[in-house]
N, C-alpha and C. Protein backbone atom coordinates (compact mmCIF):
# COMPACT_ATOMS: atom_id res chain seq x y z
N MET A 1 0.77 -1.21 0.01
CA MET A 1 0.08 -0.11 -0.02
C MET A 1 0.97 1.26 0.06
N PRO A 2 0.63 2.21 -0.80
CA PRO A 2 1.55 3.38 -1.10
C PRO A 2 1.15 4.13 0.32
N LEU A 3 2.28 4.84 0.69
CA LEU A 3 2.07 5.74 1.79
C LEU A 3 2.33 7.32 1.33
N VAL A 4 1.73 8.27 2.16
CA VAL A 4 1.75 9.46 1.73
C VAL A 4 1.78 10.27 3.10
N ALA A 5 2.20 11.55 3.03
CA ALA A 5 2.51 12.34 4.22
C ALA A 5 1.12 12.99 4.48
N CYS A 6 0.68 12.98 5.85
CA CYS A 6 -0.36 13.66 6.28
C CYS A 6 -0.15 15.21 6.10
N PRO A 7 -1.08 15.91 5.61
CA PRO A 7 -1.02 17.36 5.44
C PRO A 7 -0.87 18.17 6.57
N VAL A 8 -1.34 17.36 7.88
CA VAL A 8 -1.37 18.17 9.05
C VAL A 8 -0.14 18.01 9.83
N CYS A 9 0.20 16.80 10.11
CA CYS A 9 1.21 16.27 11.07
C CYS A 9 2.35 15.83 10.39
N GLU A 10 2.38 15.72 8.99
CA GLU A 10 3.35 15.04 8.16
C GLU A 10 3.81 13.78 8.47
N LYS A 11 3.00 12.69 9.05
CA LYS A 11 3.35 11.49 9.38
C LYS A 11 2.92 10.68 7.93
N GLN A 12 3.51 9.49 7.86
CA GLN A 12 3.32 8.72 6.80
C GLN A 12 1.85 7.99 7.05
N ILE A 13 1.03 8.01 6.09
CA ILE A 13 -0.24 7.25 6.22
C ILE A 13 -0.60 6.73 4.88
N SER A 14 -1.53 5.60 4.98
CA SER A 14 -1.94 4.96 3.80
C SER A 14 -2.83 5.98 2.96
N LYS A 15 -2.76 5.80 1.48
CA LYS A 15 -3.67 6.67 0.67
C LYS A 15 -4.92 6.35 0.71
N ARG A 16 -5.34 5.17 1.49
CA ARG A 16 -6.63 4.81 1.62
C ARG A 16 -7.21 5.18 3.04
N ALA A 17 -6.52 5.87 3.85
CA ALA A 17 -6.91 6.24 5.25
C ALA A 17 -7.94 7.32 5.18
N HIS A 18 -9.15 7.10 6.05
CA HIS A 18 -10.01 8.21 6.08
C HIS A 18 -9.76 9.10 7.35
N THR A 19 -9.03 8.61 8.10
CA THR A 19 -8.53 9.58 9.17
C THR A 19 -6.88 9.22 9.53
N CYS A 20 -6.23 10.39 9.88
CA CYS A 20 -4.92 10.12 10.41
C CYS A 20 -4.77 9.55 11.61
N PRO A 21 -3.86 8.51 11.78
CA PRO A 21 -3.81 7.70 13.10
C PRO A 21 -2.88 8.54 13.78
N GLY A 22 -2.13 9.39 13.31
CA GLY A 22 -1.27 10.23 14.07
C GLY A 22 -1.81 11.46 14.91
N CYS A 23 -2.53 12.32 14.13
CA CYS A 23 -3.38 13.39 14.74
C CYS A 23 -4.74 13.37 14.62
N GLY A 24 -5.33 12.35 14.07
CA GLY A 24 -6.79 12.26 14.03
C GLY A 24 -7.39 13.27 12.97
N GLU A 25 -6.72 13.75 12.12
CA GLU A 25 -7.22 14.60 11.11
C GLU A 25 -8.40 13.82 10.29
N PRO A 26 -9.54 14.19 10.24
CA PRO A 26 -10.51 13.60 9.45
C PRO A 26 -10.44 13.72 8.02
N ASP A 27 -10.52 12.79 7.19
CA ASP A 27 -10.30 12.92 5.66
C ASP A 27 -9.08 13.73 5.25
N PRO A 28 -7.84 13.17 5.69
CA PRO A 28 -6.71 13.98 5.37
C PRO A 28 -6.48 14.07 3.86
N LEU A 29 -6.74 13.06 2.97
CA LEU A 29 -6.50 13.21 1.56
C LEU A 29 -7.75 13.58 0.77
N ASN A 30 -8.77 14.18 1.44
CA ASN A 30 -9.90 14.60 0.90
C ASN A 30 -10.73 13.61 -0.06
N HIS A 31 -10.76 12.30 0.64
CA HIS A 31 -11.64 11.31 -0.20
C HIS A 31 -13.02 11.79 -0.28
N LEU A 32 -13.63 12.49 0.79
CA LEU A 32 -15.09 12.78 0.63
C LEU A 32 -15.27 13.95 -0.28
N ALA A 33 -14.23 14.94 -0.37
CA ALA A 33 -14.47 16.00 -1.38
C ALA A 33 -14.44 15.40 -2.73
N LYS A 34 -13.44 14.48 -2.91
CA LYS A 34 -13.40 14.02 -4.42
C LYS A 34 -14.74 13.16 -4.65
N SER A 35 -15.19 12.54 -3.81
CA SER A 35 -16.40 11.58 -3.92
C SER A 35 -17.54 12.66 -4.23
N LYS A 36 -17.64 13.56 -3.49
CA LYS A 36 -18.71 14.57 -3.56
C LYS A 36 -18.62 15.18 -5.22
N PHE A 37 -17.45 15.60 -5.46
CA PHE A 37 -17.21 16.12 -6.90
C PHE A 37 -17.51 15.14 -8.07
N VAL A 38 -17.29 13.97 -7.75
CA VAL A 38 -17.59 12.98 -8.94
C VAL A 38 -19.09 12.77 -8.92
N SER A 39 -19.89 12.77 -7.75
CA SER A 39 -21.03 12.66 -7.63
C SER A 39 -21.89 13.83 -8.39
N PHE A 40 -21.55 15.13 -8.13
CA PHE A 40 -21.91 16.18 -8.73
C PHE A 40 -21.78 16.20 -10.18
N VAL A 41 -20.61 15.77 -10.64
CA VAL A 41 -20.51 15.78 -12.20
C VAL A 41 -21.46 14.69 -12.73
N PHE A 42 -21.47 13.58 -12.00
CA PHE A 42 -22.34 12.44 -12.54
C PHE A 42 -23.83 13.10 -12.67
N TRP A 43 -24.34 13.65 -11.62
CA TRP A 43 -25.83 13.94 -11.69
C TRP A 43 -25.97 15.16 -12.59
N THR A 44 -24.94 15.90 -12.81
CA THR A 44 -25.08 17.10 -13.62
C THR A 44 -25.34 16.48 -15.09
N ILE A 45 -24.41 15.54 -15.52
CA ILE A 45 -24.47 14.74 -16.80
C ILE A 45 -25.75 14.31 -17.06
N ILE A 46 -26.43 13.52 -16.03
CA ILE A 46 -27.63 12.95 -15.97
C ILE A 46 -28.69 13.91 -16.20
N LEU A 47 -28.79 15.11 -15.58
CA LEU A 47 -29.67 16.34 -15.62
C LEU A 47 -29.71 16.91 -17.20
N VAL A 48 -28.46 17.14 -17.42
CA VAL A 48 -28.36 17.84 -18.75
C VAL A 48 -28.93 16.81 -19.87
N GLY A 49 -28.58 15.45 -19.77
CA GLY A 49 -28.98 14.55 -20.77
C GLY A 49 -30.58 14.51 -20.72
N ALA A 50 -31.21 14.47 -19.60
CA ALA A 50 -32.67 14.51 -19.47
C ALA A 50 -33.31 15.82 -20.10
N ALA A 51 -32.82 16.98 -19.77
CA ALA A 51 -33.06 17.99 -20.42
C ALA A 51 -33.09 18.15 -21.92
N TYR A 52 -31.88 17.56 -22.51
CA TYR A 52 -31.87 17.50 -23.87
C TYR A 52 -32.86 16.59 -24.54
N ILE A 53 -33.02 15.45 -24.04
CA ILE A 53 -34.09 14.51 -24.46
C ILE A 53 -35.43 15.26 -24.37
N ALA A 54 -35.72 15.68 -23.27
CA ALA A 54 -37.00 16.44 -23.07
C ALA A 54 -37.16 17.68 -24.00
N TRP A 55 -36.17 18.40 -24.52
CA TRP A 55 -36.32 19.52 -25.32
C TRP A 55 -36.63 19.09 -26.65
N PHE A 56 -35.51 18.25 -27.12
CA PHE A 56 -35.54 17.77 -28.53
C PHE A 56 -36.42 16.65 -28.87
N TYR A 57 -37.05 15.86 -27.88
CA TYR A 57 -38.01 14.75 -28.35
C TYR A 57 -39.25 15.04 -27.75
N LEU A 58 -39.45 15.20 -26.47
CA LEU A 58 -40.54 15.30 -25.87
C LEU A 58 -41.48 16.54 -26.29
N VAL A 59 -40.96 17.61 -26.17
CA VAL A 59 -41.58 18.86 -26.48
C VAL A 59 -42.09 18.95 -28.02
N PRO A 60 -41.29 18.45 -28.93
CA PRO A 60 -41.82 18.43 -30.31
C PRO A 60 -43.01 17.57 -30.27
N MET A 61 -42.94 16.45 -29.68
CA MET A 61 -44.07 15.45 -29.86
C MET A 61 -45.26 16.07 -29.21
N LEU A 62 -45.22 16.73 -27.85
CA LEU A 62 -46.24 17.50 -27.42
C LEU A 62 -46.88 18.53 -28.26
N VAL A 63 -46.06 19.25 -28.93
CA VAL A 63 -46.56 20.45 -29.70
C VAL A 63 -47.34 19.88 -30.98
N GLU A 64 -46.92 18.72 -31.46
CA GLU A 64 -47.55 18.03 -32.62
C GLU A 64 -48.77 17.48 -32.19
N MET A 65 -48.84 16.93 -30.96
CA MET A 65 -50.02 16.19 -30.45
C MET A 65 -51.28 17.45 -30.31
N LEU A 66 -50.62 18.43 -29.77
CA LEU A 66 -51.70 19.70 -29.46
C LEU A 66 -52.24 20.22 -30.87
N ARG A 67 -51.36 20.24 -31.91
CA ARG A 67 -51.75 20.67 -33.16
C ARG A 67 -52.94 19.91 -33.75
N HIS A 68 -52.89 18.64 -33.58
CA HIS A 68 -53.80 17.86 -34.11
C HIS A 68 -55.20 17.70 -33.41
N LYS A 69 -55.33 18.37 -32.20
CA LYS A 69 -56.58 18.30 -31.58
C LYS A 69 -57.37 19.40 -32.14
């Protein structure tokens, strides 16, 4: 397992550590921040894709249905 220095106390910790065993720093390598960013990007792509589908496929279908009534 690769080791890196804790940004607070400079002790060597695992890259997978969620807290520093030396100083107790929570999330010393920003695992949670990276996870939140990836989640934000994922949901943004999903919403943009849904908006694209709605605008270019569903709205024209609705307009066409309303014209024929």
